[in-house]
Amino acid sequence: MELSDILGWTATFLFTICYIPQILKTARTKTIEGLSFRLLFISFVANIIAFCYATLIEQPPLQIKYILALLFLGICLYLYLKVYFAAKIKSENS
């Protein structure tokens, strides 16, 4: 395996796991304080575009990175919206 392959796969792994702490924190605390929906949404869109680019240039490490990033960002967005709407309903009922 060449150095470029090692670097590509290492970056793929690190970029992929960087979303896990946020997912766990949001799920555990059920709070979105300090978490930006716009950041998550823009990152999601950027990863879709980057995945298309990685596919066009035939770069498997990048394709996997962007697919996994989309999965984890999708989970982050889902949790964000779930917590946001639960808090909104709770405040309306109070």
N, C-alpha and C. Protein backbone atom coordinates (compact mmCIF):
# COMPACT_ATOMS: atom_id res chain seq x y z
N MET A 1 0.86 -1.18 0.00
CA MET A 1 0.00 0.00 0.00
C MET A 1 0.90 1.24 0.00
N GLU A 2 0.60 2.17 -0.88
CA GLU A 2 1.39 3.39 -0.99
C GLU A 2 1.00 4.40 0.09
N LEU A 3 1.89 5.36 0.31
CA LEU A 3 1.65 6.40 1.32
C LEU A 3 0.36 7.16 1.03
N SER A 4 0.09 7.44 -0.23
CA SER A 4 -1.14 8.17 -0.58
C SER A 4 -2.38 7.37 -0.20
N ASP A 5 -2.33 6.05 -0.36
CA ASP A 5 -3.45 5.19 0.04
C ASP A 5 -3.62 5.20 1.56
N ILE A 6 -2.52 5.11 2.27
CA ILE A 6 -2.57 5.11 3.73
C ILE A 6 -3.16 6.42 4.23
N LEU A 7 -2.69 7.53 3.66
CA LEU A 7 -3.22 8.84 4.05
C LEU A 7 -4.70 8.96 3.72
N GLY A 8 -5.09 8.49 2.55
CA GLY A 8 -6.49 8.57 2.14
C GLY A 8 -7.40 7.78 3.06
N TRP A 9 -7.02 6.56 3.38
CA TRP A 9 -7.85 5.72 4.24
C TRP A 9 -7.84 6.22 5.68
N THR A 10 -6.70 6.76 6.14
CA THR A 10 -6.64 7.32 7.49
C THR A 10 -7.56 8.53 7.61
N ALA A 11 -7.52 9.40 6.63
CA ALA A 11 -8.41 10.57 6.63
C ALA A 11 -9.87 10.13 6.58
N THR A 12 -10.16 9.12 5.76
CA THR A 12 -11.52 8.59 5.69
C THR A 12 -12.00 8.15 7.06
N PHE A 13 -11.17 7.39 7.75
CA PHE A 13 -11.53 6.89 9.08
C PHE A 13 -11.74 8.04 10.06
N LEU A 14 -10.81 8.98 10.10
CA LEU A 14 -10.90 10.08 11.06
C LEU A 14 -12.09 11.00 10.78
N PHE A 15 -12.30 11.34 9.50
CA PHE A 15 -13.45 12.19 9.17
C PHE A 15 -14.77 11.48 9.49
N THR A 16 -14.78 10.18 9.36
CA THR A 16 -15.99 9.42 9.63
C THR A 16 -16.31 9.39 11.11
N ILE A 17 -15.33 9.11 11.94
CA ILE A 17 -15.61 8.99 13.36
C ILE A 17 -15.80 10.34 14.06
N CYS A 18 -15.45 11.44 13.40
CA CYS A 18 -15.58 12.74 14.06
C CYS A 18 -17.04 13.11 14.36
N TYR A 19 -17.99 12.49 13.71
CA TYR A 19 -19.40 12.78 13.96
C TYR A 19 -19.96 12.00 15.15
N ILE A 20 -19.31 10.92 15.50
CA ILE A 20 -19.84 10.04 16.54
C ILE A 20 -19.99 10.74 17.89
N PRO A 21 -19.01 11.52 18.37
CA PRO A 21 -19.21 12.19 19.67
C PRO A 21 -20.45 13.11 19.69
N GLN A 22 -20.71 13.81 18.59
CA GLN A 22 -21.87 14.70 18.55
C GLN A 22 -23.16 13.89 18.58
N ILE A 23 -23.20 12.80 17.84
CA ILE A 23 -24.38 11.94 17.84
C ILE A 23 -24.65 11.42 19.25
N LEU A 24 -23.60 10.92 19.91
CA LEU A 24 -23.77 10.37 21.26
C LEU A 24 -24.19 11.45 22.25
N LYS A 25 -23.58 12.64 22.16
CA LYS A 25 -23.93 13.72 23.08
C LYS A 25 -25.37 14.16 22.90
N THR A 26 -25.79 14.34 21.66
CA THR A 26 -27.16 14.77 21.40
C THR A 26 -28.16 13.71 21.85
N ALA A 27 -27.87 12.47 21.58
CA ALA A 27 -28.77 11.38 21.99
C ALA A 27 -28.84 11.26 23.51
N ARG A 28 -27.70 11.43 24.17
CA ARG A 28 -27.64 11.27 25.62
C ARG A 28 -28.27 12.45 26.35
N THR A 29 -27.94 13.68 25.95
CA THR A 29 -28.41 14.85 26.69
C THR A 29 -29.77 15.36 26.20
N LYS A 30 -30.15 14.95 25.00
CA LYS A 30 -31.39 15.41 24.38
C LYS A 30 -31.45 16.94 24.34
N THR A 31 -30.30 17.54 24.05
CA THR A 31 -30.23 18.98 23.90
C THR A 31 -29.43 19.31 22.64
N ILE A 32 -29.80 20.40 22.01
CA ILE A 32 -29.10 20.83 20.79
C ILE A 32 -28.44 22.18 21.01
N GLU A 33 -28.34 22.58 22.27
CA GLU A 33 -27.72 23.85 22.59
C GLU A 33 -26.28 23.88 22.07
N GLY A 34 -25.97 24.91 21.32
CA GLY A 34 -24.64 25.06 20.75
C GLY A 34 -24.43 24.32 19.45
N LEU A 35 -25.42 23.58 18.99
CA LEU A 35 -25.31 22.83 17.74
C LEU A 35 -26.04 23.61 16.65
N SER A 36 -25.36 23.87 15.57
CA SER A 36 -25.92 24.69 14.50
C SER A 36 -26.57 23.82 13.42
N PHE A 37 -27.88 24.02 13.23
CA PHE A 37 -28.57 23.31 12.16
C PHE A 37 -28.00 23.69 10.80
N ARG A 38 -27.69 24.97 10.62
CA ARG A 38 -27.14 25.42 9.33
C ARG A 38 -25.82 24.73 9.02
N LEU A 39 -24.97 24.58 10.02
CA LEU A 39 -23.71 23.88 9.82
C LEU A 39 -23.96 22.45 9.36
N LEU A 40 -24.85 21.77 10.05
CA LEU A 40 -25.15 20.38 9.68
C LEU A 40 -25.72 20.30 8.26
N PHE A 41 -26.66 21.19 7.95
CA PHE A 41 -27.30 21.16 6.64
C PHE A 41 -26.31 21.49 5.52
N ILE A 42 -25.50 22.53 5.72
CA ILE A 42 -24.51 22.89 4.70
C ILE A 42 -23.49 21.78 4.53
N SER A 43 -23.07 21.17 5.63
CA SER A 43 -22.14 20.04 5.55
C SER A 43 -22.76 18.87 4.78
N PHE A 44 -24.04 18.63 5.00
CA PHE A 44 -24.74 17.55 4.30
C PHE A 44 -24.73 17.80 2.79
N VAL A 45 -25.11 19.01 2.40
CA VAL A 45 -25.14 19.36 0.98
C VAL A 45 -23.72 19.30 0.39
N ALA A 46 -22.74 19.82 1.11
CA ALA A 46 -21.35 19.80 0.63
C ALA A 46 -20.86 18.37 0.44
N ASN A 47 -21.26 17.47 1.32
CA ASN A 47 -20.84 16.07 1.19
C ASN A 47 -21.51 15.39 0.00
N ILE A 48 -22.72 15.78 -0.33
CA ILE A 48 -23.36 15.24 -1.53
C ILE A 48 -22.56 15.67 -2.77
N ILE A 49 -22.22 16.96 -2.82
CA ILE A 49 -21.45 17.47 -3.96
C ILE A 49 -20.07 16.81 -4.01
N ALA A 50 -19.42 16.70 -2.86
CA ALA A 50 -18.08 16.08 -2.81
C ALA A 50 -18.14 14.61 -3.20
N PHE A 51 -19.22 13.92 -2.81
CA PHE A 51 -19.37 12.52 -3.22
C PHE A 51 -19.47 12.42 -4.74
N CYS A 52 -20.23 13.30 -5.34
CA CYS A 52 -20.32 13.30 -6.81
C CYS A 52 -18.96 13.53 -7.44
N TYR A 53 -18.21 14.46 -6.89
CA TYR A 53 -16.86 14.73 -7.38
C TYR A 53 -15.96 13.51 -7.23
N ALA A 54 -15.97 12.89 -6.04
CA ALA A 54 -15.14 11.72 -5.79
C ALA A 54 -15.50 10.57 -6.72
N THR A 55 -16.77 10.47 -7.06
CA THR A 55 -17.21 9.44 -8.00
C THR A 55 -16.68 9.73 -9.40
N LEU A 56 -16.74 10.98 -9.80
CA LEU A 56 -16.25 11.37 -11.12
C LEU A 56 -14.75 11.13 -11.27
N ILE A 57 -13.98 11.36 -10.21
CA ILE A 57 -12.53 11.16 -10.30
C ILE A 57 -12.11 9.76 -9.83
N GLU A 58 -13.10 8.93 -9.53
CA GLU A 58 -12.88 7.52 -9.16
C GLU A 58 -11.90 7.36 -7.99
N GLN A 59 -12.29 7.92 -6.86
CA GLN A 59 -11.49 7.84 -5.64
C GLN A 59 -12.26 7.10 -4.54
N PRO A 60 -12.10 5.78 -4.45
CA PRO A 60 -12.85 5.00 -3.46
C PRO A 60 -12.73 5.48 -2.01
N PRO A 61 -11.53 5.87 -1.52
CA PRO A 61 -11.49 6.34 -0.12
C PRO A 61 -12.39 7.55 0.10
N LEU A 62 -12.39 8.45 -0.86
CA LEU A 62 -13.25 9.64 -0.73
C LEU A 62 -14.71 9.28 -0.87
N GLN A 63 -15.03 8.37 -1.77
CA GLN A 63 -16.43 7.97 -1.92
C GLN A 63 -16.96 7.37 -0.62
N ILE A 64 -16.17 6.50 -0.02
CA ILE A 64 -16.60 5.90 1.25
C ILE A 64 -16.71 6.95 2.33
N LYS A 65 -15.74 7.86 2.39
CA LYS A 65 -15.78 8.93 3.38
C LYS A 65 -17.06 9.75 3.27
N TYR A 66 -17.41 10.12 2.04
CA TYR A 66 -18.59 10.96 1.85
C TYR A 66 -19.89 10.20 2.10
N ILE A 67 -19.93 8.93 1.76
CA ILE A 67 -21.12 8.13 2.06
C ILE A 67 -21.31 8.02 3.57
N LEU A 68 -20.22 7.71 4.29
CA LEU A 68 -20.33 7.59 5.74
C LEU A 68 -20.63 8.94 6.39
N ALA A 69 -20.03 10.00 5.86
CA ALA A 69 -20.32 11.33 6.39
C ALA A 69 -21.80 11.67 6.20
N LEU A 70 -22.35 11.32 5.05
CA LEU A 70 -23.77 11.57 4.81
C LEU A 70 -24.63 10.77 5.79
N LEU A 71 -24.23 9.55 6.05
CA LEU A 71 -24.97 8.72 7.01
C LEU A 71 -24.95 9.36 8.40
N PHE A 72 -23.75 9.72 8.87
CA PHE A 72 -23.65 10.30 10.20
C PHE A 72 -24.26 11.70 10.28
N LEU A 73 -24.10 12.49 9.25
CA LEU A 73 -24.75 13.80 9.23
C LEU A 73 -26.27 13.65 9.19
N GLY A 74 -26.75 12.65 8.47
CA GLY A 74 -28.18 12.37 8.45
C GLY A 74 -28.69 12.05 9.85
N ILE A 75 -27.91 11.26 10.59
CA ILE A 75 -28.29 10.93 11.98
C ILE A 75 -28.28 12.20 12.83
N CYS A 76 -27.25 13.04 12.66
CA CYS A 76 -27.17 14.30 13.41
C CYS A 76 -28.37 15.19 13.10
N LEU A 77 -28.71 15.31 11.83
CA LEU A 77 -29.86 16.13 11.44
C LEU A 77 -31.16 15.57 12.01
N TYR A 78 -31.31 14.26 11.96
CA TYR A 78 -32.51 13.61 12.51
C TYR A 78 -32.62 13.91 14.01
N LEU A 79 -31.52 13.71 14.75
CA LEU A 79 -31.55 13.96 16.19
C LEU A 79 -31.81 15.44 16.49
N TYR A 80 -31.20 16.31 15.71
CA TYR A 80 -31.41 17.75 15.89
C TYR A 80 -32.90 18.07 15.75
N LEU A 81 -33.49 17.63 14.66
CA LEU A 81 -34.91 17.93 14.42
C LEU A 81 -35.81 17.26 15.46
N LYS A 82 -35.48 16.06 15.85
CA LYS A 82 -36.27 15.35 16.87
C LYS A 82 -36.26 16.12 18.19
N VAL A 83 -35.08 16.54 18.63
CA VAL A 83 -34.96 17.28 19.89
C VAL A 83 -35.61 18.66 19.75
N TYR A 84 -35.39 19.31 18.62
CA TYR A 84 -35.95 20.65 18.39
C TYR A 84 -37.48 20.62 18.47
N PHE A 85 -38.10 19.69 17.75
CA PHE A 85 -39.56 19.65 17.74
C PHE A 85 -40.13 19.14 19.05
N ALA A 86 -39.43 18.26 19.74
CA ALA A 86 -39.89 17.81 21.06
C ALA A 86 -39.89 18.98 22.04
N ALA A 87 -38.85 19.81 21.99
CA ALA A 87 -38.77 20.98 22.87
C ALA A 87 -39.85 22.00 22.50
N LYS A 88 -40.10 22.16 21.20
CA LYS A 88 -41.12 23.12 20.75
C LYS A 88 -42.51 22.67 21.23
N ILE A 89 -42.81 21.41 21.09
CA ILE A 89 -44.11 20.88 21.54
C ILE A 89 -44.23 21.02 23.05
N LYS A 90 -43.14 20.73 23.75
CA LYS A 90 -43.16 20.83 25.21
C LYS A 90 -43.41 22.28 25.65
N SER A 91 -42.78 23.24 24.97
CA SER A 91 -42.97 24.65 25.35
C SER A 91 -44.38 25.13 25.00
N GLU A 92 -44.95 24.61 23.94
CA GLU A 92 -46.32 25.00 23.58
C GLU A 92 -47.34 24.43 24.56
N ASN A 93 -47.06 23.27 25.12
CA ASN A 93 -47.96 22.63 26.06
C ASN A 93 -47.82 23.18 27.47
N SER A 94 -46.78 23.95 27.71
CA SER A 94 -46.56 24.48 29.06
C SER A 94 -47.33 25.76 29.30
